[in-house]
Amino acid sequence: MARRYKDFMNKFATTISYVFDGSFISVPIFLIICLMVVDNKIEAINWALLCLLFGTVVPYLYICFLYKKKKINDMHISEKENRIKPLVVACISYIICFIILYVLDGPLFLKSIFAASIVSTVILAIITYFWKISLHTSWITFMVITFNILFGRWMLLMIPLIPVIGWARVRIKKHTVNQVILGVGISTLTAFFIYYNYGFINLF
């Protein structure tokens, strides 16, 4: 009985890790965000496709390339040393999208998202050089804050996702508790700093 329970919890934790991997769940999230901040639905979808291309597809394809070339052992990049290059590529991709958004006069909220993504990715890459920080909890924390800004305080109901995902990463031995907590902390500080400077958070 205890063995079955342990196996079930491990499978449950693994499923959570895959479901809430930013590469997949960002597809509906970008679409929801763009439909929320852009009135014209066709334009919203176009902006969403742009954000998905540089925010998800390019970084994901690079990870696939590394996996195919056997440079990494799994798509979640378990080894700390192997995470630096994907983070650098992701950051470059975010910068390109940020520039395009400004050139095309894109929605301000999308600009703020990519500004926060650039800053947090730089910080995460620097820390990852020394220590394996949790990207899962960093990502979900940023999404929870973003959704609370867009949809209001009732989205605070999303907060339990943060400890659940953190538990999952610790459960399957991908991170320690401290690595999970630091991922949450960095995203929280970065998101509040960027959103405040773009005028989406009023602290006073």
N, C-alpha and C. Protein backbone atom coordinates (compact mmCIF):
# COMPACT_ATOMS: atom_id res chain seq x y z
N MET A 1 0.84 -1.21 0.00
CA MET A 1 0.00 0.00 0.00
C MET A 1 0.88 1.27 0.00
N ALA A 2 1.89 1.26 0.88
CA ALA A 2 2.79 2.42 0.97
C ALA A 2 3.54 2.60 -0.35
N ARG A 3 3.93 1.47 -0.97
CA ARG A 3 4.65 1.52 -2.24
C ARG A 3 3.77 2.13 -3.33
N ARG A 4 2.51 1.73 -3.37
CA ARG A 4 1.58 2.26 -4.38
C ARG A 4 1.36 3.75 -4.18
N TYR A 5 1.23 4.15 -2.92
CA TYR A 5 1.04 5.57 -2.62
C TYR A 5 2.25 6.39 -3.07
N LYS A 6 3.44 5.86 -2.79
CA LYS A 6 4.67 6.56 -3.18
C LYS A 6 4.77 6.68 -4.70
N ASP A 7 4.46 5.60 -5.41
CA ASP A 7 4.51 5.62 -6.88
C ASP A 7 3.50 6.60 -7.45
N PHE A 8 2.30 6.62 -6.85
CA PHE A 8 1.25 7.53 -7.30
C PHE A 8 1.68 8.98 -7.13
N MET A 9 2.24 9.29 -5.97
CA MET A 9 2.66 10.67 -5.69
C MET A 9 3.80 11.09 -6.61
N ASN A 10 4.71 10.17 -6.91
CA ASN A 10 5.80 10.49 -7.81
C ASN A 10 5.28 10.75 -9.23
N LYS A 11 4.33 9.94 -9.69
CA LYS A 11 3.74 10.13 -11.01
C LYS A 11 2.95 11.44 -11.06
N PHE A 12 2.26 11.73 -9.96
CA PHE A 12 1.49 12.97 -9.87
C PHE A 12 2.41 14.18 -9.95
N ALA A 13 3.51 14.12 -9.22
CA ALA A 13 4.49 15.21 -9.22
C ALA A 13 5.12 15.37 -10.60
N THR A 14 5.42 14.26 -11.27
CA THR A 14 6.00 14.32 -12.61
C THR A 14 5.03 14.94 -13.60
N THR A 15 3.76 14.56 -13.48
CA THR A 15 2.72 15.11 -14.36
C THR A 15 2.60 16.62 -14.18
N ILE A 16 2.61 17.08 -12.94
CA ILE A 16 2.54 18.51 -12.65
C ILE A 16 3.72 19.23 -13.28
N SER A 17 4.90 18.64 -13.18
CA SER A 17 6.10 19.26 -13.75
C SER A 17 5.98 19.43 -15.26
N TYR A 18 5.41 18.44 -15.93
CA TYR A 18 5.26 18.53 -17.38
C TYR A 18 4.14 19.47 -17.79
N VAL A 19 3.02 19.41 -17.07
CA VAL A 19 1.87 20.26 -17.40
C VAL A 19 2.22 21.73 -17.25
N PHE A 20 2.95 22.06 -16.18
CA PHE A 20 3.27 23.46 -15.90
C PHE A 20 4.67 23.85 -16.37
N ASP A 21 5.19 23.11 -17.34
CA ASP A 21 6.40 23.54 -18.02
C ASP A 21 6.03 24.71 -18.92
N GLY A 22 6.78 25.80 -18.83
CA GLY A 22 6.44 27.01 -19.58
C GLY A 22 6.35 26.82 -21.08
N SER A 23 7.03 25.82 -21.62
CA SER A 23 7.04 25.61 -23.07
C SER A 23 5.66 25.26 -23.61
N PHE A 24 4.84 24.60 -22.80
CA PHE A 24 3.54 24.15 -23.27
C PHE A 24 2.39 25.06 -22.82
N ILE A 25 2.36 25.34 -21.56
CA ILE A 25 1.22 26.09 -21.02
C ILE A 25 1.25 27.56 -21.43
N SER A 26 2.40 28.04 -21.91
CA SER A 26 2.48 29.43 -22.35
C SER A 26 1.65 29.69 -23.61
N VAL A 27 1.33 28.63 -24.36
CA VAL A 27 0.52 28.80 -25.58
C VAL A 27 -0.86 29.38 -25.25
N PRO A 28 -1.66 28.74 -24.40
CA PRO A 28 -2.96 29.35 -24.06
C PRO A 28 -2.82 30.63 -23.26
N ILE A 29 -1.76 30.72 -22.44
CA ILE A 29 -1.57 31.90 -21.60
C ILE A 29 -1.31 33.15 -22.43
N PHE A 30 -0.42 33.06 -23.42
CA PHE A 30 -0.17 34.21 -24.29
C PHE A 30 -1.43 34.61 -25.05
N LEU A 31 -2.19 33.62 -25.48
CA LEU A 31 -3.42 33.90 -26.21
C LEU A 31 -4.42 34.63 -25.31
N ILE A 32 -4.57 34.17 -24.08
CA ILE A 32 -5.49 34.80 -23.12
C ILE A 32 -5.05 36.23 -22.84
N ILE A 33 -3.77 36.43 -22.60
CA ILE A 33 -3.25 37.77 -22.29
C ILE A 33 -3.50 38.73 -23.46
N CYS A 34 -3.19 38.29 -24.67
CA CYS A 34 -3.36 39.16 -25.84
C CYS A 34 -4.82 39.48 -26.10
N LEU A 35 -5.70 38.51 -25.91
CA LEU A 35 -7.14 38.76 -26.08
C LEU A 35 -7.65 39.73 -25.02
N MET A 36 -6.97 39.77 -23.89
CA MET A 36 -7.37 40.66 -22.80
C MET A 36 -6.90 42.09 -23.04
N VAL A 37 -5.71 42.26 -23.59
CA VAL A 37 -5.13 43.60 -23.71
C VAL A 37 -5.34 44.23 -25.09
N VAL A 38 -5.81 43.45 -26.06
CA VAL A 38 -6.05 43.97 -27.42
C VAL A 38 -7.52 43.79 -27.77
N ASP A 39 -8.19 44.87 -28.14
CA ASP A 39 -9.63 44.81 -28.43
C ASP A 39 -9.93 44.03 -29.70
N ASN A 40 -9.18 44.30 -30.75
CA ASN A 40 -9.40 43.61 -32.02
C ASN A 40 -8.87 42.17 -31.91
N LYS A 41 -9.76 41.20 -32.09
CA LYS A 41 -9.40 39.80 -31.87
C LYS A 41 -8.36 39.29 -32.87
N ILE A 42 -8.45 39.74 -34.12
CA ILE A 42 -7.47 39.31 -35.12
C ILE A 42 -6.10 39.84 -34.76
N GLU A 43 -6.04 41.12 -34.36
CA GLU A 43 -4.77 41.71 -33.94
C GLU A 43 -4.23 41.00 -32.69
N ALA A 44 -5.14 40.66 -31.79
CA ALA A 44 -4.73 39.97 -30.56
C ALA A 44 -4.06 38.64 -30.89
N ILE A 45 -4.64 37.90 -31.82
CA ILE A 45 -4.06 36.61 -32.21
C ILE A 45 -2.70 36.80 -32.87
N ASN A 46 -2.59 37.85 -33.70
CA ASN A 46 -1.30 38.14 -34.35
C ASN A 46 -0.21 38.46 -33.33
N TRP A 47 -0.56 39.28 -32.33
CA TRP A 47 0.39 39.60 -31.27
C TRP A 47 0.76 38.34 -30.48
N ALA A 48 -0.25 37.51 -30.24
CA ALA A 48 -0.01 36.26 -29.50
C ALA A 48 0.96 35.36 -30.27
N LEU A 49 0.80 35.28 -31.58
CA LEU A 49 1.70 34.46 -32.41
C LEU A 49 3.13 35.00 -32.36
N LEU A 50 3.26 36.32 -32.37
CA LEU A 50 4.58 36.93 -32.28
C LEU A 50 5.23 36.59 -30.94
N CYS A 51 4.46 36.77 -29.87
CA CYS A 51 4.98 36.49 -28.53
C CYS A 51 5.34 35.01 -28.37
N LEU A 52 4.51 34.14 -28.93
CA LEU A 52 4.77 32.71 -28.84
C LEU A 52 6.03 32.31 -29.62
N LEU A 53 6.22 32.96 -30.77
CA LEU A 53 7.39 32.65 -31.59
C LEU A 53 8.68 32.91 -30.83
N PHE A 54 8.79 34.13 -30.28
CA PHE A 54 10.03 34.50 -29.61
C PHE A 54 10.04 34.15 -28.11
N GLY A 55 8.86 34.04 -27.53
CA GLY A 55 8.80 33.73 -26.10
C GLY A 55 8.81 32.25 -25.79
N THR A 56 8.43 31.43 -26.78
CA THR A 56 8.31 29.99 -26.52
C THR A 56 8.97 29.12 -27.60
N VAL A 57 8.58 29.34 -28.86
CA VAL A 57 9.01 28.45 -29.93
C VAL A 57 10.53 28.44 -30.13
N VAL A 58 11.12 29.64 -30.25
CA VAL A 58 12.57 29.71 -30.47
C VAL A 58 13.35 29.05 -29.33
N PRO A 59 13.08 29.40 -28.06
CA PRO A 59 13.79 28.73 -26.96
C PRO A 59 13.56 27.22 -26.94
N TYR A 60 12.31 26.81 -27.22
CA TYR A 60 11.98 25.38 -27.19
C TYR A 60 12.69 24.61 -28.30
N LEU A 61 12.74 25.20 -29.50
CA LEU A 61 13.42 24.54 -30.62
C LEU A 61 14.91 24.39 -30.34
N TYR A 62 15.49 25.37 -29.66
CA TYR A 62 16.90 25.27 -29.32
C TYR A 62 17.13 24.12 -28.33
N ILE A 63 16.22 23.97 -27.38
CA ILE A 63 16.33 22.86 -26.43
C ILE A 63 16.17 21.53 -27.16
N CYS A 64 15.24 21.47 -28.12
CA CYS A 64 15.06 20.26 -28.93
C CYS A 64 16.33 19.94 -29.71
N PHE A 65 16.96 20.98 -30.23
CA PHE A 65 18.22 20.82 -30.97
C PHE A 65 19.30 20.22 -30.07
N LEU A 66 19.42 20.75 -28.87
CA LEU A 66 20.41 20.24 -27.93
C LEU A 66 20.13 18.79 -27.54
N TYR A 67 18.84 18.48 -27.38
CA TYR A 67 18.44 17.11 -27.01
C TYR A 67 18.75 16.14 -28.15
N LYS A 68 18.45 16.57 -29.38
CA LYS A 68 18.70 15.71 -30.54
C LYS A 68 20.19 15.46 -30.72
N LYS A 69 21.00 16.48 -30.42
CA LYS A 69 22.44 16.34 -30.55
C LYS A 69 23.07 15.68 -29.31
N LYS A 70 22.18 15.27 -28.38
CA LYS A 70 22.63 14.60 -27.14
C LYS A 70 23.51 15.49 -26.27
N LYS A 71 23.26 16.80 -26.35
CA LYS A 71 23.98 17.74 -25.51
C LYS A 71 23.34 17.83 -24.13
N ILE A 72 22.06 17.42 -24.06
CA ILE A 72 21.34 17.38 -22.79
C ILE A 72 20.66 16.02 -22.68
N ASN A 73 20.38 15.60 -21.44
CA ASN A 73 19.80 14.27 -21.21
C ASN A 73 18.29 14.26 -21.23
N ASP A 74 17.65 15.38 -20.96
CA ASP A 74 16.19 15.46 -20.96
C ASP A 74 15.75 16.87 -21.29
N MET A 75 14.48 17.01 -21.67
CA MET A 75 13.96 18.29 -22.13
C MET A 75 13.84 19.32 -21.01
N HIS A 76 13.84 18.86 -19.76
CA HIS A 76 13.79 19.78 -18.62
C HIS A 76 15.18 20.25 -18.21
N ILE A 77 16.21 19.71 -18.88
CA ILE A 77 17.61 20.07 -18.65
C ILE A 77 17.96 19.98 -17.16
N SER A 78 18.05 18.76 -16.70
CA SER A 78 18.28 18.52 -15.27
C SER A 78 19.64 19.00 -14.79
N GLU A 79 20.65 18.92 -15.67
CA GLU A 79 21.99 19.32 -15.26
C GLU A 79 22.15 20.84 -15.29
N LYS A 80 22.59 21.39 -14.17
CA LYS A 80 22.74 22.84 -14.04
C LYS A 80 23.63 23.43 -15.14
N GLU A 81 24.73 22.77 -15.41
CA GLU A 81 25.70 23.30 -16.38
C GLU A 81 25.12 23.44 -17.78
N ASN A 82 24.14 22.60 -18.10
CA ASN A 82 23.56 22.61 -19.44
C ASN A 82 22.46 23.65 -19.62
N ARG A 83 22.12 24.36 -18.56
CA ARG A 83 21.02 25.33 -18.63
C ARG A 83 21.47 26.71 -19.10
N ILE A 84 22.75 26.99 -19.04
CA ILE A 84 23.23 28.34 -19.34
C ILE A 84 22.94 28.74 -20.79
N LYS A 85 23.35 27.91 -21.75
CA LYS A 85 23.14 28.26 -23.15
C LYS A 85 21.67 28.44 -23.52
N PRO A 86 20.77 27.53 -23.09
CA PRO A 86 19.35 27.74 -23.37
C PRO A 86 18.80 29.04 -22.77
N LEU A 87 19.29 29.40 -21.59
CA LEU A 87 18.86 30.65 -20.96
C LEU A 87 19.36 31.86 -21.75
N VAL A 88 20.58 31.77 -22.25
CA VAL A 88 21.13 32.86 -23.06
C VAL A 88 20.36 33.01 -24.36
N VAL A 89 20.07 31.89 -25.01
CA VAL A 89 19.29 31.91 -26.26
C VAL A 89 17.89 32.47 -26.01
N ALA A 90 17.28 32.04 -24.91
CA ALA A 90 15.95 32.54 -24.56
C ALA A 90 15.99 34.05 -24.34
N CYS A 91 17.01 34.52 -23.64
CA CYS A 91 17.14 35.95 -23.37
C CYS A 91 17.29 36.75 -24.65
N ILE A 92 18.10 36.25 -25.58
CA ILE A 92 18.27 36.92 -26.88
C ILE A 92 16.96 36.96 -27.63
N SER A 93 16.22 35.86 -27.59
CA SER A 93 14.92 35.79 -28.26
C SER A 93 13.94 36.79 -27.66
N TYR A 94 13.96 36.92 -26.32
CA TYR A 94 13.08 37.88 -25.64
C TYR A 94 13.44 39.32 -26.04
N ILE A 95 14.73 39.58 -26.14
CA ILE A 95 15.19 40.92 -26.52
C ILE A 95 14.72 41.27 -27.93
N ILE A 96 14.81 40.31 -28.84
CA ILE A 96 14.36 40.54 -30.22
C ILE A 96 12.87 40.86 -30.24
N CYS A 97 12.09 40.10 -29.48
CA CYS A 97 10.64 40.34 -29.42
C CYS A 97 10.34 41.70 -28.80
N PHE A 98 11.09 42.04 -27.76
CA PHE A 98 10.91 43.34 -27.09
C PHE A 98 11.15 44.48 -28.08
N ILE A 99 12.20 44.36 -28.89
CA ILE A 99 12.51 45.39 -29.89
C ILE A 99 11.41 45.47 -30.94
N ILE A 100 10.94 44.30 -31.40
CA ILE A 100 9.87 44.27 -32.41
C ILE A 100 8.60 44.93 -31.87
N LEU A 101 8.28 44.64 -30.61
CA LEU A 101 7.09 45.23 -29.99
C LEU A 101 7.18 46.76 -29.96
N TYR A 102 8.37 47.28 -29.72
CA TYR A 102 8.54 48.74 -29.71
C TYR A 102 8.50 49.31 -31.12
N VAL A 103 9.13 48.64 -32.05
CA VAL A 103 9.14 49.12 -33.44
C VAL A 103 7.73 49.13 -34.03
N LEU A 104 6.95 48.10 -33.71
CA LEU A 104 5.59 47.99 -34.24
C LEU A 104 4.56 48.64 -33.34
N ASP A 105 5.04 49.32 -32.28
CA ASP A 105 4.14 49.98 -31.33
C ASP A 105 3.13 48.99 -30.75
N GLY A 106 3.65 47.90 -30.25
CA GLY A 106 2.81 46.86 -29.67
C GLY A 106 2.22 47.26 -28.33
N PRO A 107 1.29 46.46 -27.82
CA PRO A 107 0.65 46.74 -26.53
C PRO A 107 1.67 46.91 -25.41
N LEU A 108 1.45 47.91 -24.58
CA LEU A 108 2.38 48.21 -23.49
C LEU A 108 2.53 47.04 -22.54
N PHE A 109 1.44 46.33 -22.29
CA PHE A 109 1.50 45.23 -21.33
C PHE A 109 2.41 44.11 -21.85
N LEU A 110 2.38 43.86 -23.15
CA LEU A 110 3.25 42.85 -23.73
C LEU A 110 4.71 43.28 -23.62
N LYS A 111 4.95 44.58 -23.79
CA LYS A 111 6.32 45.09 -23.63
C LYS A 111 6.81 44.85 -22.20
N SER A 112 5.93 45.08 -21.24
CA SER A 112 6.31 44.90 -19.84
C SER A 112 6.60 43.43 -19.54
N ILE A 113 5.83 42.53 -20.15
CA ILE A 113 6.05 41.10 -19.94
C ILE A 113 7.44 40.69 -20.43
N PHE A 114 7.81 41.16 -21.61
CA PHE A 114 9.11 40.79 -22.14
C PHE A 114 10.26 41.52 -21.44
N ALA A 115 9.99 42.72 -20.96
CA ALA A 115 11.01 43.42 -20.17
C ALA A 115 11.29 42.63 -18.89
N ALA A 116 10.23 42.17 -18.24
CA ALA A 116 10.40 41.36 -17.02
C ALA A 116 11.07 40.04 -17.33
N SER A 117 10.71 39.45 -18.48
CA SER A 117 11.31 38.17 -18.87
C SER A 117 12.81 38.31 -19.11
N ILE A 118 13.20 39.42 -19.73
CA ILE A 118 14.62 39.66 -20.00
C ILE A 118 15.40 39.81 -18.69
N VAL A 119 14.90 40.66 -17.81
CA VAL A 119 15.58 40.92 -16.54
C VAL A 119 15.68 39.64 -15.70
N SER A 120 14.56 38.93 -15.57
CA SER A 120 14.57 37.72 -14.75
C SER A 120 15.45 36.63 -15.35
N THR A 121 15.46 36.51 -16.68
CA THR A 121 16.29 35.48 -17.33
C THR A 121 17.77 35.76 -17.13
N VAL A 122 18.15 37.03 -17.20
CA VAL A 122 19.55 37.40 -16.95
C VAL A 122 19.94 37.01 -15.53
N ILE A 123 19.08 37.34 -14.57
CA ILE A 123 19.36 37.02 -13.17
C ILE A 123 19.41 35.50 -12.96
N LEU A 124 18.45 34.80 -13.55
CA LEU A 124 18.40 33.34 -13.41
C LEU A 124 19.64 32.68 -14.03
N ALA A 125 20.09 33.21 -15.17
CA ALA A 125 21.26 32.64 -15.84
C ALA A 125 22.51 32.82 -14.98
N ILE A 126 22.63 34.00 -14.37
CA ILE A 126 23.80 34.27 -13.52
C ILE A 126 23.80 33.33 -12.31
N ILE A 127 22.64 33.18 -11.68
CA ILE A 127 22.55 32.30 -10.52
C ILE A 127 22.78 30.84 -10.92
N THR A 128 22.21 30.46 -12.08
CA THR A 128 22.33 29.08 -12.54
C THR A 128 23.78 28.69 -12.79
N TYR A 129 24.61 29.66 -13.10
CA TYR A 129 26.04 29.38 -13.31
C TYR A 129 26.65 28.80 -12.04
N PHE A 130 26.09 29.19 -10.88
CA PHE A 130 26.63 28.73 -9.60
C PHE A 130 25.72 27.72 -8.90
N TRP A 131 24.41 27.83 -9.18
CA TRP A 131 23.44 27.07 -8.40
C TRP A 131 22.23 26.77 -9.26
N LYS A 132 21.63 25.59 -9.10
CA LYS A 132 20.49 25.18 -9.93
C LYS A 132 19.18 25.70 -9.33
N ILE A 133 18.77 26.86 -9.77
CA ILE A 133 17.54 27.48 -9.28
C ILE A 133 16.33 26.91 -10.04
N SER A 134 15.17 26.95 -9.42
CA SER A 134 13.96 26.40 -10.04
C SER A 134 13.35 27.37 -11.05
N LEU A 135 13.37 26.98 -12.31
CA LEU A 135 12.74 27.79 -13.36
C LEU A 135 11.22 27.60 -13.36
N HIS A 136 10.78 26.41 -12.94
CA HIS A 136 9.34 26.14 -12.88
C HIS A 136 8.63 27.10 -11.93
N THR A 137 9.15 27.22 -10.71
CA THR A 137 8.49 28.08 -9.73
C THR A 137 8.66 29.56 -10.08
N SER A 138 9.78 29.89 -10.71
CA SER A 138 9.98 31.26 -11.16
C SER A 138 8.94 31.64 -12.20
N TRP A 139 8.72 30.74 -13.13
CA TRP A 139 7.77 31.00 -14.21
C TRP A 139 6.33 31.10 -13.69
N ILE A 140 5.89 30.14 -12.86
CA ILE A 140 4.51 30.14 -12.39
C ILE A 140 4.23 31.35 -11.49
N THR A 141 5.24 31.78 -10.73
CA THR A 141 5.08 32.96 -9.88
C THR A 141 4.82 34.19 -10.74
N PHE A 142 5.58 34.34 -11.81
CA PHE A 142 5.40 35.46 -12.72
C PHE A 142 4.01 35.45 -13.34
N MET A 143 3.52 34.27 -13.71
CA MET A 143 2.20 34.15 -14.32
C MET A 143 1.09 34.50 -13.32
N VAL A 144 1.25 34.07 -12.08
CA VAL A 144 0.24 34.37 -11.05
C VAL A 144 0.15 35.88 -10.85
N ILE A 145 1.28 36.56 -10.76
CA ILE A 145 1.29 38.01 -10.58
C ILE A 145 0.68 38.70 -11.81
N THR A 146 1.05 38.23 -12.99
CA THR A 146 0.53 38.79 -14.23
C THR A 146 -0.98 38.66 -14.32
N PHE A 147 -1.50 37.50 -14.01
CA PHE A 147 -2.94 37.27 -14.08
C PHE A 147 -3.70 38.08 -13.03
N ASN A 148 -3.07 38.31 -11.87
CA ASN A 148 -3.72 39.13 -10.85
C ASN A 148 -3.83 40.58 -11.31
N ILE A 149 -2.84 41.06 -12.05
CA ILE A 149 -2.89 42.42 -12.58
C ILE A 149 -3.98 42.53 -13.65
N LEU A 150 -4.08 41.53 -14.50
CA LEU A 150 -5.03 41.56 -15.61
C LEU A 150 -6.48 41.34 -15.19
N PHE A 151 -6.70 40.38 -14.30
CA PHE A 151 -8.06 39.94 -14.00
C PHE A 151 -8.56 40.30 -12.60
N GLY A 152 -7.68 40.85 -11.77
CA GLY A 152 -8.15 41.26 -10.46
C GLY A 152 -7.80 40.29 -9.34
N ARG A 153 -8.20 40.65 -8.15
CA ARG A 153 -7.77 39.92 -6.95
C ARG A 153 -8.32 38.51 -6.85
N TRP A 154 -9.41 38.21 -7.56
CA TRP A 154 -9.94 36.85 -7.46
C TRP A 154 -8.94 35.84 -8.03
N MET A 155 -7.99 36.33 -8.82
CA MET A 155 -6.96 35.45 -9.35
C MET A 155 -5.93 35.07 -8.29
N LEU A 156 -6.08 35.62 -7.09
CA LEU A 156 -5.24 35.17 -5.97
C LEU A 156 -5.47 33.68 -5.70
N LEU A 157 -6.58 33.16 -6.22
CA LEU A 157 -6.86 31.73 -6.08
C LEU A 157 -5.81 30.88 -6.80
N MET A 158 -5.02 31.53 -7.67
CA MET A 158 -3.96 30.81 -8.37
C MET A 158 -2.72 30.59 -7.50
N ILE A 159 -2.63 31.34 -6.41
CA ILE A 159 -1.43 31.28 -5.57
C ILE A 159 -1.06 29.86 -5.12
N PRO A 160 -2.05 29.00 -4.75
CA PRO A 160 -1.68 27.64 -4.34
C PRO A 160 -0.91 26.85 -5.40
N LEU A 161 -1.00 27.28 -6.66
CA LEU A 161 -0.24 26.59 -7.70
C LEU A 161 1.27 26.68 -7.43
N ILE A 162 1.69 27.78 -6.83
CA ILE A 162 3.13 27.98 -6.60
C ILE A 162 3.71 26.92 -5.66
N PRO A 163 3.12 26.73 -4.45
CA PRO A 163 3.67 25.68 -3.58
C PRO A 163 3.47 24.26 -4.13
N VAL A 164 2.37 24.06 -4.87
CA VAL A 164 2.12 22.73 -5.44
C VAL A 164 3.21 22.36 -6.45
N ILE A 165 3.53 23.31 -7.33
CA ILE A 165 4.57 23.06 -8.33
C ILE A 165 5.94 22.95 -7.65
N GLY A 166 6.16 23.78 -6.65
CA GLY A 166 7.40 23.68 -5.89
C GLY A 166 7.54 22.32 -5.23
N TRP A 167 6.43 21.85 -4.63
CA TRP A 167 6.44 20.51 -4.01
C TRP A 167 6.77 19.44 -5.05
N ALA A 168 6.18 19.56 -6.24
CA ALA A 168 6.40 18.57 -7.29
C ALA A 168 7.86 18.49 -7.69
N ARG A 169 8.50 19.65 -7.82
CA ARG A 169 9.90 19.67 -8.23
C ARG A 169 10.81 19.07 -7.16
N VAL A 170 10.46 19.31 -5.90
CA VAL A 170 11.23 18.73 -4.80
C VAL A 170 10.96 17.23 -4.70
N ARG A 171 9.70 16.86 -4.89
CA ARG A 171 9.29 15.45 -4.78
C ARG A 171 10.05 14.55 -5.74
N ILE A 172 10.21 15.02 -6.99
CA ILE A 172 10.91 14.19 -7.98
C ILE A 172 12.42 14.47 -8.00
N LYS A 173 12.86 15.17 -6.94
CA LYS A 173 14.30 15.41 -6.72
C LYS A 173 14.97 16.20 -7.83
N LYS A 174 14.24 17.15 -8.41
CA LYS A 174 14.83 18.03 -9.41
C LYS A 174 15.39 19.30 -8.76
N HIS A 175 14.86 19.63 -7.57
CA HIS A 175 15.31 20.82 -6.85
C HIS A 175 15.23 20.61 -5.35
N THR A 176 15.93 21.46 -4.63
CA THR A 176 15.80 21.50 -3.18
C THR A 176 14.74 22.55 -2.83
N VAL A 177 14.34 22.57 -1.57
CA VAL A 177 13.35 23.55 -1.12
C VAL A 177 13.88 24.97 -1.31
N ASN A 178 15.15 25.19 -0.99
CA ASN A 178 15.74 26.52 -1.13
C ASN A 178 15.77 26.99 -2.59
N GLN A 179 16.05 26.08 -3.50
CA GLN A 179 16.08 26.42 -4.92
C GLN A 179 14.69 26.81 -5.42
N VAL A 180 13.69 26.15 -4.90
CA VAL A 180 12.30 26.46 -5.25
C VAL A 180 11.91 27.83 -4.71
N ILE A 181 12.25 28.08 -3.46
CA ILE A 181 11.91 29.35 -2.81
C ILE A 181 12.60 30.52 -3.50
N LEU A 182 13.86 30.35 -3.87
CA LEU A 182 14.59 31.43 -4.54
C LEU A 182 13.98 31.74 -5.90
N GLY A 183 13.53 30.70 -6.61
CA GLY A 183 12.85 30.91 -7.89
C GLY A 183 11.62 31.78 -7.73
N VAL A 184 10.86 31.52 -6.68
CA VAL A 184 9.67 32.33 -6.38
C VAL A 184 10.07 33.76 -6.05
N GLY A 185 11.09 33.90 -5.22
CA GLY A 185 11.51 35.23 -4.78
C GLY A 185 12.00 36.12 -5.91
N ILE A 186 12.80 35.57 -6.80
CA ILE A 186 13.34 36.36 -7.90
C ILE A 186 12.23 36.85 -8.82
N SER A 187 11.31 35.96 -9.17
CA SER A 187 10.21 36.36 -10.04
C SER A 187 9.31 37.40 -9.39
N THR A 188 9.09 37.25 -8.08
CA THR A 188 8.25 38.20 -7.37
C THR A 188 8.86 39.60 -7.41
N LEU A 189 10.14 39.70 -7.09
CA LEU A 189 10.82 41.00 -7.08
C LEU A 189 10.89 41.60 -8.50
N THR A 190 11.24 40.77 -9.46
CA THR A 190 11.37 41.24 -10.84
C THR A 190 10.03 41.72 -11.38
N ALA A 191 8.99 40.91 -11.18
CA ALA A 191 7.66 41.25 -11.70
C ALA A 191 7.16 42.56 -11.09
N PHE A 192 7.29 42.69 -9.77
CA PHE A 192 6.81 43.91 -9.12
C PHE A 192 7.61 45.13 -9.58
N PHE A 193 8.91 44.98 -9.74
CA PHE A 193 9.75 46.09 -10.17
C PHE A 193 9.38 46.55 -11.58
N ILE A 194 9.27 45.62 -12.51
CA ILE A 194 8.95 45.96 -13.91
C ILE A 194 7.53 46.48 -14.04
N TYR A 195 6.57 45.77 -13.47
CA TYR A 195 5.17 46.20 -13.59
C TYR A 195 4.94 47.55 -12.92
N TYR A 196 5.65 47.79 -11.83
CA TYR A 196 5.54 49.09 -11.16
C TYR A 196 6.07 50.20 -12.06
N ASN A 197 7.21 49.96 -12.68
CA ASN A 197 7.81 50.98 -13.55
C ASN A 197 7.01 51.22 -14.82
N TYR A 198 6.25 50.21 -15.25
CA TYR A 198 5.38 50.39 -16.43
C TYR A 198 4.00 50.92 -16.05
N GLY A 199 3.77 51.11 -14.74
CA GLY A 199 2.52 51.70 -14.30
C GLY A 199 1.38 50.74 -14.08
N PHE A 200 1.66 49.43 -14.03
CA PHE A 200 0.60 48.45 -13.85
C PHE A 200 0.39 48.05 -12.38
N ILE A 201 1.31 48.47 -11.52
CA ILE A 201 1.17 48.24 -10.09
C ILE A 201 1.36 49.57 -9.37
N ASN A 202 0.42 49.88 -8.52
CA ASN A 202 0.50 51.12 -7.73
C ASN A 202 0.69 50.74 -6.28
N LEU A 203 1.89 50.94 -5.77
CA LEU A 203 2.20 50.55 -4.39
C LEU A 203 1.79 51.57 -3.36
N PHE A 204 1.46 52.78 -3.81
CA PHE A 204 1.14 53.84 -2.86
C PHE A 204 -0.20 54.47 -3.18
